[in-house]
N, C-alpha and C. Protein backbone atom coordinates (compact mmCIF):
# COMPACT_ATOMS: atom_id res chain seq x y z
N MET A 1 -18.36 22.70 -32.20
CA MET A 1 -17.00 23.46 -31.62
C MET A 1 -16.94 24.71 -31.06
N GLY A 2 -15.74 25.02 -30.82
CA GLY A 2 -14.88 25.96 -29.76
C GLY A 2 -15.71 27.39 -30.33
N GLY A 3 -16.00 28.41 -29.87
CA GLY A 3 -16.54 29.71 -30.32
C GLY A 3 -15.29 30.06 -30.75
N GLY A 4 -15.81 32.05 -30.52
CA GLY A 4 -14.34 32.65 -30.66
C GLY A 4 -13.37 33.16 -29.91
N GLY A 5 -12.09 33.18 -30.00
CA GLY A 5 -11.03 34.13 -29.69
C GLY A 5 -10.20 32.63 -29.22
N GLY A 6 -9.91 32.09 -30.32
CA GLY A 6 -8.88 30.71 -30.68
C GLY A 6 -9.73 28.94 -30.21
N GLY A 7 -10.75 29.49 -29.87
CA GLY A 7 -11.70 28.34 -30.28
C GLY A 7 -10.92 26.46 -29.45
N GLY A 8 -10.50 27.12 -27.89
CA GLY A 8 -9.98 25.95 -27.04
C GLY A 8 -10.91 25.01 -26.30
N LYS A 9 -11.89 25.12 -26.09
CA LYS A 9 -12.84 24.92 -25.35
C LYS A 9 -12.55 23.08 -25.63
N ASP A 10 -12.90 22.53 -26.67
CA ASP A 10 -13.16 21.12 -27.32
C ASP A 10 -11.40 20.42 -27.16
N ALA A 11 -10.45 21.37 -26.95
CA ALA A 11 -9.15 21.10 -26.70
C ALA A 11 -8.85 19.53 -26.00
N PRO A 12 -9.32 19.99 -24.66
CA PRO A 12 -8.88 19.16 -23.37
C PRO A 12 -9.76 17.43 -23.80
N THR A 13 -11.04 17.36 -24.69
CA THR A 13 -11.65 16.09 -25.05
C THR A 13 -10.78 15.32 -26.13
N GLU A 14 -10.24 16.45 -26.64
CA GLU A 14 -9.16 16.20 -28.01
C GLU A 14 -8.16 15.30 -27.93
N TYR A 15 -7.32 16.03 -26.84
CA TYR A 15 -6.43 14.96 -25.89
C TYR A 15 -6.96 14.09 -25.43
N VAL A 16 -7.91 13.75 -24.81
CA VAL A 16 -8.04 12.17 -24.01
C VAL A 16 -8.61 11.49 -25.30
N LYS A 17 -9.11 11.95 -26.00
CA LYS A 17 -9.44 11.09 -27.73
C LYS A 17 -7.83 11.01 -28.38
N ARG A 18 -7.42 11.44 -28.10
CA ARG A 18 -5.69 11.14 -28.79
C ARG A 18 -5.29 10.12 -27.96
N HIS A 19 -5.11 10.66 -27.01
CA HIS A 19 -4.66 9.18 -25.81
C HIS A 19 -5.31 8.10 -25.88
N ASP A 20 -6.41 8.00 -25.61
CA ASP A 20 -7.38 6.93 -26.30
C ASP A 20 -7.25 5.59 -27.17
N GLY A 21 -6.87 7.04 -28.38
CA GLY A 21 -6.84 5.92 -29.59
C GLY A 21 -5.46 5.24 -29.64
N LEU A 22 -4.62 6.00 -29.23
CA LEU A 22 -3.49 4.93 -28.99
C LEU A 22 -3.52 3.43 -28.27
N ALA A 23 -4.65 3.85 -27.08
CA ALA A 23 -4.80 2.89 -26.05
C ALA A 23 -5.33 1.94 -26.79
N LYS A 24 -6.66 2.12 -27.90
CA LYS A 24 -7.41 1.52 -28.43
C LYS A 24 -6.54 0.53 -29.34
N ILE A 25 -5.65 0.73 -29.90
CA ILE A 25 -5.02 0.27 -30.96
C ILE A 25 -4.42 -0.89 -30.17
N ILE A 26 -3.59 -0.94 -29.25
CA ILE A 26 -3.24 -1.31 -28.16
C ILE A 26 -3.91 -2.65 -27.28
N HIS A 27 -5.21 -2.30 -26.84
CA HIS A 27 -6.13 -3.36 -26.58
C HIS A 27 -6.67 -4.26 -28.04
N GLN A 28 -7.06 -3.57 -28.88
CA GLN A 28 -7.54 -4.19 -29.73
C GLN A 28 -6.32 -5.65 -30.43
N LYS A 29 -4.52 -4.97 -30.39
CA LYS A 29 -3.91 -5.76 -30.80
C LYS A 29 -3.43 -6.92 -29.80
N LEU A 30 -3.89 -7.03 -28.36
CA LEU A 30 -3.35 -7.68 -27.33
C LEU A 30 -5.19 -8.69 -27.60
N ALA A 31 -6.17 -7.92 -27.65
CA ALA A 31 -7.15 -8.83 -27.87
C ALA A 31 -7.43 -9.70 -28.68
N GLU A 32 -6.84 -9.31 -29.80
CA GLU A 32 -6.40 -10.14 -30.98
C GLU A 32 -5.86 -11.73 -31.05
N ALA A 33 -4.18 -11.14 -30.26
CA ALA A 33 -3.39 -11.38 -30.28
C ALA A 33 -4.03 -13.40 -29.10
N ALA A 34 -4.78 -12.62 -27.98
CA ALA A 34 -5.00 -13.26 -26.89
C ALA A 34 -6.11 -14.50 -27.56
N GLU A 35 -6.69 -14.15 -28.57
CA GLU A 35 -8.15 -14.50 -29.30
C GLU A 35 -9.22 -14.48 -27.94
N LEU A 36 -8.87 -13.08 -27.63
CA LEU A 36 -9.96 -12.26 -27.08
C LEU A 36 -11.25 -12.10 -27.72
N ILE A 37 -11.23 -11.91 -28.92
CA ILE A 37 -12.41 -11.14 -30.43
C ILE A 37 -12.09 -11.71 -31.70
N ASP A 38 -12.75 -11.40 -32.05
CA ASP A 38 -12.89 -11.38 -33.40
C ASP A 38 -13.09 -10.94 -34.54
N ASP A 39 -12.77 -9.46 -33.46
CA ASP A 39 -13.37 -8.13 -34.47
C ASP A 39 -12.57 -7.98 -35.14
N LYS A 40 -12.30 -7.38 -36.56
CA LYS A 40 -11.60 -6.70 -37.26
C LYS A 40 -11.03 -5.21 -37.76
N SER A 41 -12.05 -4.73 -37.09
CA SER A 41 -13.31 -3.22 -37.36
C SER A 41 -11.35 -2.34 -37.12
N PRO A 42 -11.48 -1.09 -37.47
CA PRO A 42 -9.95 -0.43 -37.72
C PRO A 42 -10.19 -0.09 -36.21
N HIS A 43 -9.15 0.10 -35.67
CA HIS A 43 -9.08 0.60 -34.55
C HIS A 43 -9.89 1.87 -34.18
N TYR A 44 -9.78 2.67 -34.67
CA TYR A 44 -10.79 3.97 -34.61
C TYR A 44 -12.34 3.60 -34.45
N LYS A 45 -12.91 2.58 -34.94
CA LYS A 45 -14.23 1.97 -34.68
C LYS A 45 -14.60 0.73 -33.60
N TYR A 46 -13.17 1.00 -33.01
CA TYR A 46 -12.82 -0.37 -31.46
C TYR A 46 -13.56 0.47 -30.43
N THR A 47 -14.41 -0.66 -29.80
CA THR A 47 -14.63 -0.33 -28.18
C THR A 47 -14.11 -1.42 -27.72
N PRO A 48 -12.85 -0.90 -26.49
CA PRO A 48 -12.74 -1.86 -25.57
C PRO A 48 -13.70 -2.22 -24.51
N ALA A 49 -13.79 -3.91 -24.60
CA ALA A 49 -14.88 -4.13 -23.29
C ALA A 49 -14.13 -3.48 -22.26
N ASN A 50 -14.47 -3.39 -20.88
CA ASN A 50 -14.11 -2.99 -19.69
C ASN A 50 -12.90 -4.74 -19.40
N VAL A 51 -13.70 -5.75 -19.25
CA VAL A 51 -13.35 -6.96 -19.66
C VAL A 51 -12.88 -7.90 -20.06
N LEU A 52 -12.30 -8.88 -20.81
CA LEU A 52 -12.27 -9.63 -21.48
C LEU A 52 -11.77 -11.03 -21.09
N GLN A 53 -12.29 -12.60 -20.84
CA GLN A 53 -10.92 -13.26 -20.79
C GLN A 53 -11.63 -14.74 -21.65
N ASN A 54 -10.54 -15.47 -21.11
CA ASN A 54 -10.72 -16.72 -21.77
C ASN A 54 -9.42 -17.86 -20.94
N GLU A 55 -9.50 -18.79 -21.15
CA GLU A 55 -8.94 -19.90 -20.07
C GLU A 55 -7.37 -19.45 -20.32
N ASN A 56 -7.16 -18.57 -21.11
CA ASN A 56 -5.69 -18.23 -21.07
C ASN A 56 -4.73 -16.75 -20.56
N PHE A 57 -6.06 -16.33 -20.86
CA PHE A 57 -5.66 -14.50 -20.82
C PHE A 57 -6.68 -13.74 -19.98
N LYS A 58 -6.53 -12.50 -19.46
CA LYS A 58 -7.74 -11.59 -18.96
C LYS A 58 -7.01 -10.30 -19.29
N LEU A 59 -7.99 -9.30 -20.14
CA LEU A 59 -7.58 -8.35 -20.13
C LEU A 59 -8.56 -7.20 -19.52
N TYR A 60 -7.82 -6.06 -18.83
CA TYR A 60 -8.66 -5.07 -18.75
C TYR A 60 -8.62 -4.21 -19.45
N TRP A 61 -9.35 -2.65 -19.27
CA TRP A 61 -9.23 -1.69 -19.76
C TRP A 61 -9.71 -0.36 -18.83
N ASN A 62 -8.70 0.30 -18.68
CA ASN A 62 -8.96 1.39 -17.82
C ASN A 62 -9.60 1.42 -16.48
N GLY A 63 -9.34 0.33 -15.98
CA GLY A 63 -10.25 -0.02 -14.88
C GLY A 63 -9.46 0.01 -13.52
N SER A 64 -9.81 0.56 -12.52
CA SER A 64 -8.98 0.13 -11.33
C SER A 64 -8.93 -1.01 -10.69
N ILE A 65 -7.93 -1.20 -9.99
CA ILE A 65 -7.13 -2.77 -9.80
C ILE A 65 -7.51 -2.30 -7.88
N LEU A 66 -8.28 -3.83 -7.59
CA LEU A 66 -8.17 -3.22 -6.58
C LEU A 66 -7.53 -4.43 -5.58
N THR A 67 -7.10 -3.98 -4.54
CA THR A 67 -6.09 -4.39 -3.54
C THR A 67 -5.82 -4.33 -2.27
N ASP A 68 -5.45 -5.02 -1.63
CA ASP A 68 -5.75 -5.59 0.36
C ASP A 68 -5.01 -4.34 0.76
N LYS A 69 -3.79 -3.30 0.23
CA LYS A 69 -3.55 -2.52 0.35
C LYS A 69 -4.10 -1.34 -0.16
N THR A 70 -3.72 -0.11 0.18
CA THR A 70 -3.90 1.06 -0.78
C THR A 70 -2.28 1.38 -1.40
N VAL A 71 -2.83 1.59 -2.37
CA VAL A 71 -1.92 1.88 -3.51
C VAL A 71 -2.47 3.52 -3.88
N PRO A 72 -1.06 4.58 -4.42
CA PRO A 72 -1.29 5.78 -4.53
C PRO A 72 -2.35 5.51 -6.40
N PHE A 73 -1.66 4.67 -6.79
CA PHE A 73 -2.06 4.33 -8.17
C PHE A 73 -1.91 3.40 -8.56
N ASN A 74 -3.71 2.70 -8.92
CA ASN A 74 -4.07 1.58 -9.13
C ASN A 74 -4.77 1.08 -10.33
N ARG A 75 -4.75 2.46 -11.80
CA ARG A 75 -5.88 2.89 -12.38
C ARG A 75 -4.65 1.98 -13.61
N PRO A 76 -3.93 1.76 -14.58
CA PRO A 76 -3.04 1.54 -15.37
C PRO A 76 -4.26 1.33 -16.60
N ASP A 77 -4.09 2.56 -17.61
CA ASP A 77 -5.17 2.11 -19.04
C ASP A 77 -5.12 0.93 -19.55
N ILE A 78 -4.43 -0.62 -19.49
CA ILE A 78 -4.64 -1.44 -19.53
C ILE A 78 -4.36 -2.50 -18.90
N THR A 79 -4.85 -3.69 -18.53
CA THR A 79 -4.04 -4.45 -17.49
C THR A 79 -3.93 -5.60 -18.21
N PHE A 80 -3.18 -6.20 -18.75
CA PHE A 80 -3.42 -7.68 -19.40
C PHE A 80 -2.12 -8.86 -18.69
N MET A 81 -3.11 -10.36 -18.12
CA MET A 81 -2.78 -11.11 -17.15
C MET A 81 -2.12 -12.31 -18.16
N SER A 82 -1.83 -12.71 -18.42
CA SER A 82 -1.48 -14.53 -18.99
C SER A 82 -1.67 -15.31 -17.83
N LYS A 83 -2.72 -16.24 -17.61
CA LYS A 83 -2.89 -16.85 -17.21
C LYS A 83 -2.60 -18.42 -16.82
N LYS A 84 -1.90 -18.76 -17.84
CA LYS A 84 -0.52 -19.79 -18.15
C LYS A 84 0.76 -19.65 -17.40
N THR A 85 1.11 -18.28 -17.73
CA THR A 85 2.49 -17.62 -17.68
C THR A 85 2.45 -17.45 -16.29
N LYS A 86 1.52 -16.48 -15.90
CA LYS A 86 1.53 -16.01 -14.56
C LYS A 86 2.08 -14.64 -14.52
N ASN A 87 1.98 -14.28 -15.82
CA ASN A 87 2.43 -13.13 -16.00
C ASN A 87 1.81 -11.28 -16.33
N THR A 88 1.64 -10.54 -15.62
CA THR A 88 0.75 -9.03 -15.67
C THR A 88 1.77 -8.02 -16.51
N PHE A 89 0.77 -7.65 -17.45
CA PHE A 89 1.26 -6.58 -17.82
C PHE A 89 0.88 -5.09 -17.47
N LEU A 90 1.02 -4.15 -17.30
CA LEU A 90 0.54 -2.96 -16.44
C LEU A 90 0.88 -1.63 -17.67
N ILE A 91 -0.05 -1.89 -18.43
CA ILE A 91 0.17 -0.57 -19.46
C ILE A 91 0.14 0.56 -19.46
N ASP A 92 0.41 1.85 -19.75
CA ASP A 92 -0.05 3.48 -19.44
C ASP A 92 0.78 4.09 -20.54
N ILE A 93 -0.17 4.83 -21.40
CA ILE A 93 -0.07 5.21 -22.17
C ILE A 93 0.53 6.47 -21.71
N ALA A 94 0.90 7.18 -22.86
CA ALA A 94 1.28 8.49 -22.90
C ALA A 94 1.61 9.49 -23.72
N VAL A 95 1.48 11.02 -23.71
CA VAL A 95 1.50 11.52 -25.09
C VAL A 95 2.44 12.67 -24.89
N PRO A 96 3.62 12.21 -24.04
CA PRO A 96 4.19 13.95 -23.65
C PRO A 96 5.05 14.97 -24.63
N ASN A 97 5.60 15.74 -24.31
CA ASN A 97 6.07 16.49 -25.30
C ASN A 97 7.78 15.77 -25.91
N ALA A 98 8.33 16.04 -26.82
CA ALA A 98 9.23 15.35 -27.48
C ALA A 98 10.72 15.14 -26.20
N HIS A 99 10.68 16.31 -25.50
CA HIS A 99 11.56 16.52 -24.21
C HIS A 99 11.33 16.17 -23.49
N ASN A 100 10.42 15.70 -22.93
CA ASN A 100 9.52 14.88 -21.48
C ASN A 100 9.18 13.49 -21.80
N LEU A 101 10.17 12.67 -23.10
CA LEU A 101 9.69 11.40 -23.12
C LEU A 101 10.43 10.74 -21.88
N ALA A 102 11.73 10.57 -21.85
CA ALA A 102 12.71 9.79 -20.75
C ALA A 102 12.19 9.94 -19.68
N LYS A 103 11.58 11.23 -19.32
CA LYS A 103 10.94 11.49 -17.84
C LYS A 103 9.73 10.95 -17.52
N THR A 104 9.12 11.07 -18.56
CA THR A 104 7.44 10.63 -18.64
C THR A 104 7.40 8.71 -18.77
N ILE A 105 8.86 8.31 -19.12
CA ILE A 105 9.03 6.45 -18.95
C ILE A 105 8.95 6.34 -17.48
N THR A 106 9.86 7.08 -17.40
CA THR A 106 10.62 6.59 -15.72
C THR A 106 9.68 7.42 -14.89
N ASP A 107 8.78 7.73 -14.95
CA ASP A 107 7.37 8.61 -14.16
C ASP A 107 6.55 6.88 -14.47
N LYS A 108 6.21 6.86 -15.25
CA LYS A 108 5.83 5.45 -15.59
C LYS A 108 5.78 4.07 -14.73
N GLN A 109 7.10 3.96 -14.58
CA GLN A 109 7.46 2.71 -14.29
C GLN A 109 7.45 2.97 -12.54
N ASN A 110 7.77 3.98 -12.40
CA ASN A 110 8.05 4.12 -11.33
C ASN A 110 6.64 4.24 -10.46
N LYS A 111 5.60 4.82 -10.91
CA LYS A 111 4.29 4.99 -10.30
C LYS A 111 3.22 3.70 -10.28
N TYR A 112 3.88 3.13 -11.23
CA TYR A 112 3.38 1.23 -10.84
C TYR A 112 3.92 0.60 -9.95
N GLN A 113 4.92 0.51 -10.11
CA GLN A 113 5.89 -0.48 -9.04
C GLN A 113 5.43 -0.85 -8.19
N GLU A 114 4.55 -0.50 -6.88
CA GLU A 114 3.69 -0.82 -5.86
C GLU A 114 2.44 -1.65 -6.61
N LEU A 115 1.71 -1.32 -7.18
CA LEU A 115 1.13 -1.76 -7.86
C LEU A 115 1.54 -3.02 -8.39
N ALA A 116 2.27 -3.03 -8.90
CA ALA A 116 2.75 -4.23 -9.61
C ALA A 116 2.70 -5.67 -8.68
N LYS A 117 4.18 -5.12 -6.80
CA LYS A 117 4.22 -5.82 -6.23
C LYS A 117 3.06 -6.90 -5.50
N GLU A 118 2.07 -5.63 -5.45
CA GLU A 118 0.24 -6.20 -4.86
C GLU A 118 -0.04 -7.26 -6.17
N ILE A 119 -0.11 -6.92 -6.94
CA ILE A 119 -0.66 -7.77 -8.17
C ILE A 119 0.17 -9.43 -8.26
N CYS A 120 1.00 -9.34 -7.76
CA CYS A 120 2.19 -10.42 -7.56
C CYS A 120 1.48 -11.09 -6.59
N ALA A 121 1.38 -10.37 -5.19
CA ALA A 121 0.88 -10.73 -4.09
C ALA A 121 -0.36 -11.80 -3.73
N LEU A 122 -1.39 -10.62 -4.58
CA LEU A 122 -2.93 -11.14 -4.62
C LEU A 122 -3.53 -11.89 -5.90
N TRP A 123 -2.72 -12.00 -7.03
CA TRP A 123 -3.17 -12.93 -8.22
C TRP A 123 -2.16 -13.96 -8.09
N LYS A 124 -1.41 -13.92 -7.46
CA LYS A 124 -0.53 -14.82 -7.15
C LYS A 124 0.38 -15.52 -8.47
N GLN A 125 0.76 -14.08 -9.20
CA GLN A 125 1.79 -14.15 -10.48
C GLN A 125 3.15 -14.04 -10.20
N LYS A 126 3.56 -14.71 -11.23
CA LYS A 126 5.35 -14.44 -11.15
C LYS A 126 5.93 -13.45 -11.22
N ALA A 127 5.49 -12.89 -12.32
CA ALA A 127 5.67 -11.30 -12.47
C ALA A 127 4.97 -10.27 -12.87
N ALA A 128 5.05 -9.38 -12.75
CA ALA A 128 3.98 -7.94 -13.14
C ALA A 128 5.08 -6.56 -13.48
N GLN A 129 4.96 -6.78 -14.56
CA GLN A 129 5.73 -5.35 -15.21
C GLN A 129 5.18 -3.94 -15.72
N VAL A 130 5.61 -3.30 -15.58
CA VAL A 130 4.93 -1.81 -16.28
C VAL A 130 5.37 -1.40 -17.59
N ILE A 131 4.30 -1.86 -18.34
CA ILE A 131 5.02 -1.36 -19.65
C ILE A 131 4.09 -0.39 -20.01
N PRO A 132 5.49 1.44 -20.41
CA PRO A 132 5.06 2.55 -20.61
C PRO A 132 4.66 2.59 -22.27
N ILE A 133 4.02 3.17 -22.94
CA ILE A 133 3.49 3.42 -24.49
C ILE A 133 3.75 5.01 -24.51
N VAL A 134 4.81 5.56 -25.02
CA VAL A 134 4.93 6.76 -24.85
C VAL A 134 5.38 7.08 -25.94
N ILE A 135 4.99 8.80 -26.13
CA ILE A 135 4.89 8.97 -28.46
C ILE A 135 4.66 10.36 -27.77
N SER A 136 5.65 10.87 -28.63
CA SER A 136 4.91 12.37 -28.53
C SER A 136 4.19 12.96 -29.37
N PRO A 137 3.38 14.01 -29.51
CA PRO A 137 2.58 14.88 -30.32
C PRO A 137 3.01 14.65 -31.84
N THR A 138 4.14 14.52 -32.09
CA THR A 138 4.43 14.90 -33.45
C THR A 138 4.84 13.78 -33.63
N GLY A 139 4.65 12.06 -33.11
CA GLY A 139 5.45 10.87 -33.69
C GLY A 139 6.46 10.55 -33.48
N VAL A 140 7.48 11.32 -32.57
CA VAL A 140 8.46 10.89 -32.21
C VAL A 140 8.64 9.87 -30.71
N ILE A 141 9.36 8.57 -31.62
CA ILE A 141 9.45 7.81 -30.38
C ILE A 141 10.52 7.25 -29.79
N PRO A 142 10.51 6.90 -28.39
CA PRO A 142 11.82 6.74 -27.73
C PRO A 142 11.98 5.06 -28.46
N LYS A 143 12.87 4.73 -28.30
CA LYS A 143 13.90 3.41 -28.29
C LYS A 143 13.31 2.20 -27.75
N SER A 144 13.10 2.50 -26.53
CA SER A 144 12.11 1.95 -25.52
C SER A 144 10.84 1.53 -25.76
N LEU A 145 10.44 2.09 -27.03
CA LEU A 145 8.88 1.89 -27.44
C LEU A 145 9.04 0.66 -28.04
N SER A 146 10.38 0.00 -28.54
CA SER A 146 10.06 -1.34 -29.62
C SER A 146 10.04 -1.76 -28.65
N GLN A 147 10.98 -2.05 -27.05
CA GLN A 147 11.18 -3.30 -26.37
C GLN A 147 9.77 -3.21 -25.57
N SER A 148 8.70 -1.87 -25.35
CA SER A 148 7.32 -1.75 -24.79
C SER A 148 6.83 -3.09 -25.80
N LEU A 149 6.74 -2.66 -26.97
CA LEU A 149 6.23 -3.42 -27.78
C LEU A 149 6.62 -5.01 -28.01
N THR A 150 7.83 -5.55 -27.88
CA THR A 150 8.54 -6.78 -27.80
C THR A 150 7.96 -7.44 -26.85
N LYS A 151 8.00 -6.83 -25.60
CA LYS A 151 7.42 -7.75 -24.07
C LYS A 151 6.07 -7.96 -24.80
N LEU A 152 5.22 -7.05 -25.38
CA LEU A 152 3.68 -7.37 -24.95
C LEU A 152 3.32 -8.48 -26.58
N ASN A 153 4.77 -8.74 -26.99
CA ASN A 153 4.41 -9.70 -28.04
C ASN A 153 3.57 -8.81 -29.08
N LEU A 154 3.66 -8.10 -29.45
CA LEU A 154 3.15 -7.00 -30.46
C LEU A 154 4.18 -6.77 -31.47
N HIS A 155 3.30 -6.75 -33.06
CA HIS A 155 4.23 -6.77 -34.04
C HIS A 155 5.64 -5.46 -33.98
N PRO A 156 6.69 -5.24 -34.47
CA PRO A 156 6.84 -4.45 -34.16
C PRO A 156 6.82 -3.43 -34.88
N SER A 157 6.04 -3.52 -35.88
CA SER A 157 5.25 -2.04 -36.84
C SER A 157 4.33 -1.73 -36.14
N THR A 158 4.03 -1.75 -34.88
CA THR A 158 3.17 -1.28 -34.68
C THR A 158 3.12 -0.14 -34.34
N HIS A 159 4.29 -0.03 -34.13
CA HIS A 159 5.01 1.78 -33.89
C HIS A 159 4.29 2.58 -35.19
N ILE A 160 4.39 2.12 -36.05
CA ILE A 160 2.95 2.81 -37.48
C ILE A 160 2.08 3.69 -37.07
N GLN A 161 1.62 2.53 -37.03
CA GLN A 161 -0.08 2.33 -36.71
C GLN A 161 -0.11 3.74 -35.24
N LEU A 162 0.69 3.65 -34.25
CA LEU A 162 0.73 4.47 -32.93
C LEU A 162 1.24 6.00 -33.84
N GLN A 163 2.27 5.48 -34.44
CA GLN A 163 2.46 7.55 -34.87
C GLN A 163 1.43 7.69 -35.69
N LYS A 164 1.01 7.47 -36.68
CA LYS A 164 0.01 7.77 -37.65
C LYS A 164 -1.66 8.16 -36.69
N SER A 165 -1.65 7.69 -35.48
CA SER A 165 -3.12 8.15 -34.90
C SER A 165 -2.41 8.97 -34.26
N VAL A 166 -1.56 9.23 -33.36
CA VAL A 166 -1.31 10.30 -32.63
C VAL A 166 -1.33 11.42 -33.91
N ILE A 167 -0.25 11.11 -34.66
CA ILE A 167 -0.27 12.56 -35.58
C ILE A 167 -1.53 13.40 -36.05
N LEU A 168 -2.88 12.24 -36.18
CA LEU A 168 -3.96 12.61 -36.95
C LEU A 168 -4.55 13.86 -35.32
N GLY A 169 -4.42 12.93 -34.55
CA GLY A 169 -4.85 13.69 -33.14
C GLY A 169 -5.13 15.16 -32.90
N THR A 170 -3.18 14.94 -32.91
CA THR A 170 -2.48 16.35 -32.78
C THR A 170 -3.08 17.60 -33.83
N GLY A 171 -3.27 16.92 -34.91
CA GLY A 171 -3.96 17.57 -35.98
C GLY A 171 -5.55 18.34 -36.02
N SER A 172 -6.13 17.43 -35.35
CA SER A 172 -7.20 17.40 -34.72
C SER A 172 -7.69 18.85 -33.67
N ILE A 173 -6.45 18.29 -32.57
CA ILE A 173 -6.40 18.99 -31.84
C ILE A 173 -6.03 21.02 -31.92
N VAL A 174 -4.79 20.49 -33.47
CA VAL A 174 -4.51 21.77 -34.13
C VAL A 174 -5.66 22.65 -34.32
N ARG A 175 -5.92 22.37 -34.81
CA ARG A 175 -7.33 22.68 -35.84
C ARG A 175 -8.57 23.07 -34.92
N ILE A 176 -8.85 22.87 -33.94
CA ILE A 176 -9.53 23.34 -32.74
C ILE A 176 -9.02 24.70 -32.11
N LEU A 177 -7.46 24.20 -31.89
CA LEU A 177 -6.97 25.43 -31.17
C LEU A 177 -7.05 26.50 -32.03
N LEU A 178 -7.12 26.46 -33.22
CA LEU A 178 -6.92 27.70 -34.18
C LEU A 178 -7.64 27.21 -34.73
N ASN A 179 -9.34 27.36 -34.52
CA ASN A 179 -10.75 27.09 -34.43
C ASN A 179 -10.65 27.35 -36.13
N TYR A 180 -10.57 26.41 -36.65
CA TYR A 180 -11.07 25.90 -38.19
C TYR A 180 -12.22 24.78 -37.80
N LYS A 181 -12.79 24.81 -39.05
CA LYS A 181 -13.84 24.06 -39.03
C LYS A 181 -13.87 22.91 -40.20
């Protein structure tokens, strides 16, 4: 743990852990639904594989997507491709303050548009959609989160698990910043 004076040294890794906790929930649920895994372990023990695939789906974890044309943003948190429907979802996670939820969603949408176009051309996809998963550190969720979960065919109650994960992560960060052990 961090030394005296507030103990903030370890906080940056906690921010990444909180973010990745959300991403792991989404990855695991997509992998289960697509029959890419049988792993029923709790999401906090789940370790996503870099690439999972079967005859119907392909799922990437935090990997750069190589394109013919250089695109400024080519590393969404999760990329999920349906080989049958030729649809790809570029999923990016964020935990901004509550007053920045709408701006963050718009920024994520804009950030990956060029990559979405490249994926359609390179991978011969009918569509590539950017799906922001955005939730505040205190568990505030925007209306668009339920739309994002629906587009990914995830159960509407998934937001409860996401809220719990982000709040526990925020609690961990606060403990470190207050230098509690």
